[in-house]
């Protein structure tokens, strides 16, 4: 949970989810957006913030709310034996860590919703195969009003 009793910005939620997954799985998850291209030599995990559905009204507690989509991509070099199954195993493990999670904080969001777990890239010429897990969660931003 954040050091604040509430989220000030949606990015705080993204960082909590990533930190939870990194801790539980013993992996590193970086942004999918890179300033330079890196050659894929091992299984890698990246994230991308997807759609953010704004709400035109405040929550019952008078806080702003957002329904945010987060995507976790697992990329596996095609040089790895059974690269497609390696990606499947890793993606299913991430699913189990996300399913119905409140990330130790049921005050600032609803439970996590798994949306999909799909193959997302097969580029044999680049030597990469990928799967992407998509989740959504409704979060509440800002302090409760007195």
C-alpha atoms as a PDB file:
ATOM      1  CA  UNK A   1       0.000   0.000   0.000  1.00  0.00           C
ATOM      2  CA  UNK A   2       1.187   3.546  -0.622  1.00  0.00           C
ATOM      3  CA  UNK A   3       2.489   5.701   2.214  1.00  0.00           C
ATOM      4  CA  UNK A   4      -0.531   7.961   1.661  1.00  0.00           C
ATOM      5  CA  UNK A   5      -4.003   6.886   2.809  1.00  0.00           C
ATOM      6  CA  UNK A   6      -5.285   7.593  -0.717  1.00  0.00           C
ATOM      7  CA  UNK A   7      -4.007   7.891  -4.283  1.00  0.00           C
ATOM      8  CA  UNK A   8      -3.068  11.380  -5.442  1.00  0.00           C
ATOM      9  CA  UNK A   9      -2.443  10.241  -9.046  1.00  0.00           C
ATOM     10  CA  UNK A  10      -3.396   7.124 -11.051  1.00  0.00           C
ATOM     11  CA  UNK A  11       0.323   6.356 -11.605  1.00  0.00           C
ATOM     12  CA  UNK A  12       0.559   5.416  -7.912  1.00  0.00           C
ATOM     13  CA  UNK A  13      -1.848   2.528  -8.544  1.00  0.00           C
ATOM     14  CA  UNK A  14       0.214   1.340 -11.545  1.00  0.00           C
ATOM     15  CA  UNK A  15       3.368   1.325  -9.420  1.00  0.00           C
ATOM     16  CA  UNK A  16       1.659  -0.644  -6.623  1.00  0.00           C
ATOM     17  CA  UNK A  17       0.445  -3.336  -9.048  1.00  0.00           C
ATOM     18  CA  UNK A  18       3.890  -3.627 -10.676  1.00  0.00           C
ATOM     19  CA  UNK A  19       5.641  -3.740  -7.289  1.00  0.00           C
ATOM     20  CA  UNK A  20       3.227  -6.476  -6.113  1.00  0.00           C
ATOM     21  CA  UNK A  21       3.903  -8.622  -9.191  1.00  0.00           C
ATOM     22  CA  UNK A  22       7.665  -8.097  -9.008  1.00  0.00           C
ATOM     23  CA  UNK A  23       7.735  -9.070  -5.341  1.00  0.00           C
ATOM     24  CA  UNK A  24       5.467 -12.124  -5.649  1.00  0.00           C
ATOM     25  CA  UNK A  25       7.140 -13.469  -8.796  1.00  0.00           C
ATOM     26  CA  UNK A  26      10.746 -12.389  -8.255  1.00  0.00           C
ATOM     27  CA  UNK A  27      10.881 -10.578 -11.607  1.00  0.00           C
ATOM     28  CA  UNK A  28      11.488  -7.072 -12.950  1.00  0.00           C
ATOM     29  CA  UNK A  29       8.723  -5.363 -14.964  1.00  0.00           C
ATOM     30  CA  UNK A  30       9.633  -2.228 -16.902  1.00  0.00           C
ATOM     31  CA  UNK A  31       7.642   0.037 -19.192  1.00  0.00           C
ATOM     32  CA  UNK A  32       7.133  -1.306 -22.697  1.00  0.00           C
ATOM     33  CA  UNK A  33       8.257   2.078 -24.007  1.00  0.00           C
ATOM     34  CA  UNK A  34      12.028   2.089 -24.468  1.00  0.00           C
ATOM     35  CA  UNK A  35      14.250   4.871 -25.724  1.00  0.00           C
ATOM     36  CA  UNK A  36      16.531   2.339 -27.440  1.00  0.00           C
ATOM     37  CA  UNK A  37      15.899  -1.142 -28.790  1.00  0.00           C
ATOM     38  CA  UNK A  38      17.384  -4.053 -26.823  1.00  0.00           C
ATOM     39  CA  UNK A  39      18.056  -7.532 -28.159  1.00  0.00           C
ATOM     40  CA  UNK A  40      15.895 -10.109 -26.416  1.00  0.00           C
ATOM     41  CA  UNK A  41      18.111 -12.725 -24.741  1.00  0.00           C
ATOM     42  CA  UNK A  42      15.846 -13.957 -21.933  1.00  0.00           C
ATOM     43  CA  UNK A  43      12.192 -13.925 -20.874  1.00  0.00           C
ATOM     44  CA  UNK A  44      11.210 -10.304 -20.251  1.00  0.00           C
ATOM     45  CA  UNK A  45       8.202  -8.664 -18.613  1.00  0.00           C
ATOM     46  CA  UNK A  46       6.941  -5.204 -19.525  1.00  0.00           C
ATOM     47  CA  UNK A  47       3.833  -3.166 -18.767  1.00  0.00           C
ATOM     48  CA  UNK A  48       1.682  -0.766 -20.726  1.00  0.00           C
ATOM     49  CA  UNK A  49      -1.151   1.361 -19.384  1.00  0.00           C
ATOM     50  CA  UNK A  50      -4.142   0.884 -21.627  1.00  0.00           C
ATOM     51  CA  UNK A  51      -7.534   2.532 -21.627  1.00  0.00           C
ATOM     52  CA  UNK A  52      -8.610   4.759 -18.761  1.00  0.00           C
ATOM     53  CA  UNK A  53     -12.380   5.100 -18.533  1.00  0.00           C
ATOM     54  CA  UNK A  54     -13.219   8.403 -16.854  1.00  0.00           C
ATOM     55  CA  UNK A  55     -16.310   8.727 -14.724  1.00  0.00           C
ATOM     56  CA  UNK A  56     -18.479  11.825 -15.032  1.00  0.00           C
ATOM     57  CA  UNK A  57     -19.394  11.705 -11.365  1.00  0.00           C
ATOM     58  CA  UNK A  58     -17.692  11.247  -8.019  1.00  0.00           C
ATOM     59  CA  UNK A  59     -17.839   8.123  -5.887  1.00  0.00           C
ATOM     60  CA  UNK A  60     -20.146   7.876  -2.869  1.00  0.00           C
ATOM     61  CA  UNK A  61     -17.224   9.183  -0.812  1.00  0.00           C
ATOM     62  CA  UNK A  62     -16.873  12.239  -3.100  1.00  0.00           C
ATOM     63  CA  UNK A  63     -13.615  11.001  -4.662  1.00  0.00           C
ATOM     64  CA  UNK A  64     -12.694  10.930  -8.354  1.00  0.00           C
ATOM     65  CA  UNK A  65     -12.764   7.480  -9.879  1.00  0.00           C
ATOM     66  CA  UNK A  66     -11.066   5.926 -12.880  1.00  0.00           C
ATOM     67  CA  UNK A  67     -11.291   2.464 -14.400  1.00  0.00           C
ATOM     68  CA  UNK A  68      -7.785   1.780 -15.671  1.00  0.00           C
ATOM     69  CA  UNK A  69      -6.528  -1.007 -17.898  1.00  0.00           C
ATOM     70  CA  UNK A  70      -3.038  -2.408 -17.348  1.00  0.00           C
ATOM     71  CA  UNK A  71      -1.326  -4.806 -19.743  1.00  0.00           C
ATOM     72  CA  UNK A  72       1.587  -7.062 -18.824  1.00  0.00           C
ATOM     73  CA  UNK A  73       3.533  -8.468 -21.762  1.00  0.00           C
ATOM     74  CA  UNK A  74       5.738 -11.551 -21.533  1.00  0.00           C
ATOM     75  CA  UNK A  75       8.271 -11.789 -24.355  1.00  0.00           C
ATOM     76  CA  UNK A  76      10.215 -15.004 -24.872  1.00  0.00           C
ATOM     77  CA  UNK A  77      13.067 -15.487 -27.344  1.00  0.00           C
ATOM     78  CA  UNK A  78      12.173 -18.122 -29.936  1.00  0.00           C
ATOM     79  CA  UNK A  79      15.582 -19.685 -29.202  1.00  0.00           C
ATOM     80  CA  UNK A  80      14.116 -20.937 -25.882  1.00  0.00           C
ATOM     81  CA  UNK A  81      12.806 -24.508 -26.096  1.00  0.00           C
ATOM     82  CA  UNK A  82       8.979 -24.483 -26.204  1.00  0.00           C
ATOM     83  CA  UNK A  83       8.938 -20.662 -26.172  1.00  0.00           C
ATOM     84  CA  UNK A  84       5.157 -20.539 -26.597  1.00  0.00           C
ATOM     85  CA  UNK A  85       4.579 -22.782 -23.556  1.00  0.00           C
ATOM     86  CA  UNK A  86       7.132 -20.807 -21.525  1.00  0.00           C
ATOM     87  CA  UNK A  87       5.112 -17.646 -22.254  1.00  0.00           C
ATOM     88  CA  UNK A  88       1.864 -19.442 -21.369  1.00  0.00           C
ATOM     89  CA  UNK A  89       3.224 -20.630 -18.006  1.00  0.00           C
ATOM     90  CA  UNK A  90       4.470 -17.145 -17.095  1.00  0.00           C
ATOM     91  CA  UNK A  91       1.236 -15.469 -18.170  1.00  0.00           C
ATOM     92  CA  UNK A  92      -0.901 -17.878 -16.142  1.00  0.00           C
ATOM     93  CA  UNK A  93       1.262 -17.223 -13.083  1.00  0.00           C
ATOM     94  CA  UNK A  94       0.637 -13.493 -13.503  1.00  0.00           C
ATOM     95  CA  UNK A  95      -3.100 -14.216 -13.804  1.00  0.00           C
ATOM     96  CA  UNK A  96      -3.045 -16.009 -10.456  1.00  0.00           C
ATOM     97  CA  UNK A  97      -1.282 -13.056  -8.808  1.00  0.00           C
ATOM     98  CA  UNK A  98      -3.814 -10.557 -10.207  1.00  0.00           C
ATOM     99  CA  UNK A  99      -7.089 -12.460  -9.829  1.00  0.00           C
ATOM    100  CA  UNK A 100      -9.429 -10.722  -7.342  1.00  0.00           C
ATOM    101  CA  UNK A 101      -6.551  -8.685  -5.894  1.00  0.00           C
ATOM    102  CA  UNK A 102      -6.955  -5.530  -3.860  1.00  0.00           C
ATOM    103  CA  UNK A 103      -3.141  -5.210  -3.598  1.00  0.00           C
ATOM    104  CA  UNK A 104      -3.372  -4.847   0.203  1.00  0.00           C
ATOM    105  CA  UNK A 105      -5.677  -1.849  -0.124  1.00  0.00           C
ATOM    106  CA  UNK A 106      -9.436  -2.323  -0.487  1.00  0.00           C
ATOM    107  CA  UNK A 107     -10.061   1.326   0.464  1.00  0.00           C
ATOM    108  CA  UNK A 108      -8.758   2.880  -2.764  1.00  0.00           C
ATOM    109  CA  UNK A 109     -10.020   0.472  -5.416  1.00  0.00           C
ATOM    110  CA  UNK A 110     -12.348  -2.356  -6.343  1.00  0.00           C
ATOM    111  CA  UNK A 111     -11.037  -5.879  -6.904  1.00  0.00           C
ATOM    112  CA  UNK A 112      -8.912  -6.519  -9.991  1.00  0.00           C
ATOM    113  CA  UNK A 113     -10.634  -7.901 -13.072  1.00  0.00           C
ATOM    114  CA  UNK A 114      -8.811 -10.126 -15.557  1.00  0.00           C
ATOM    115  CA  UNK A 115      -9.826  -9.233 -19.112  1.00  0.00           C
ATOM    116  CA  UNK A 116      -7.680 -11.447 -21.353  1.00  0.00           C
ATOM    117  CA  UNK A 117      -4.535 -13.536 -21.754  1.00  0.00           C
ATOM    118  CA  UNK A 118      -3.701 -13.704 -25.442  1.00  0.00           C
ATOM    119  CA  UNK A 119      -0.776 -14.312 -27.790  1.00  0.00           C
ATOM    120  CA  UNK A 120       0.197 -10.821 -28.940  1.00  0.00           C
ATOM    121  CA  UNK A 121       3.326 -11.151 -31.060  1.00  0.00           C
ATOM    122  CA  UNK A 122       5.082 -13.797 -33.096  1.00  0.00           C
ATOM    123  CA  UNK A 123       8.023 -12.398 -35.026  1.00  0.00           C
ATOM    124  CA  UNK A 124      10.336 -15.264 -36.011  1.00  0.00           C
ATOM    125  CA  UNK A 125      12.492 -12.844 -38.026  1.00  0.00           C
ATOM    126  CA  UNK A 126      13.136 -10.945 -34.758  1.00  0.00           C
ATOM    127  CA  UNK A 127      13.251 -14.113 -32.658  1.00  0.00           C
ATOM    128  CA  UNK A 128      10.400 -13.206 -30.325  1.00  0.00           C
ATOM    129  CA  UNK A 129       7.062 -14.579 -29.150  1.00  0.00           C
ATOM    130  CA  UNK A 130       4.799 -12.722 -26.710  1.00  0.00           C
ATOM    131  CA  UNK A 131       1.613 -13.041 -24.675  1.00  0.00           C
ATOM    132  CA  UNK A 132      -0.238 -10.150 -23.057  1.00  0.00           C
ATOM    133  CA  UNK A 133      -2.375 -10.262 -19.919  1.00  0.00           C
ATOM    134  CA  UNK A 134      -4.873  -7.431 -19.651  1.00  0.00           C
ATOM    135  CA  UNK A 135      -6.471  -6.415 -16.356  1.00  0.00           C
ATOM    136  CA  UNK A 136      -8.750  -3.574 -15.254  1.00  0.00           C
ATOM    137  CA  UNK A 137      -9.359  -2.018 -11.890  1.00  0.00           C
ATOM    138  CA  UNK A 138     -11.492   0.844 -10.683  1.00  0.00           C
ATOM    139  CA  UNK A 139      -9.506   3.189  -8.459  1.00  0.00           C
ATOM    140  CA  UNK A 140     -10.456   6.157  -6.290  1.00  0.00           C
ATOM    141  CA  UNK A 141      -8.267   9.267  -6.268  1.00  0.00           C
ATOM    142  CA  UNK A 142      -8.171  11.981  -3.640  1.00  0.00           C
ATOM    143  CA  UNK A 143      -9.038  12.313   0.027  1.00  0.00           C
ATOM    144  CA  UNK A 144     -12.435  11.695   1.533  1.00  0.00           C
ATOM    145  CA  UNK A 145     -14.329  14.900   2.149  1.00  0.00           C
ATOM    146  CA  UNK A 146     -15.321  15.674   5.757  1.00  0.00           C
END
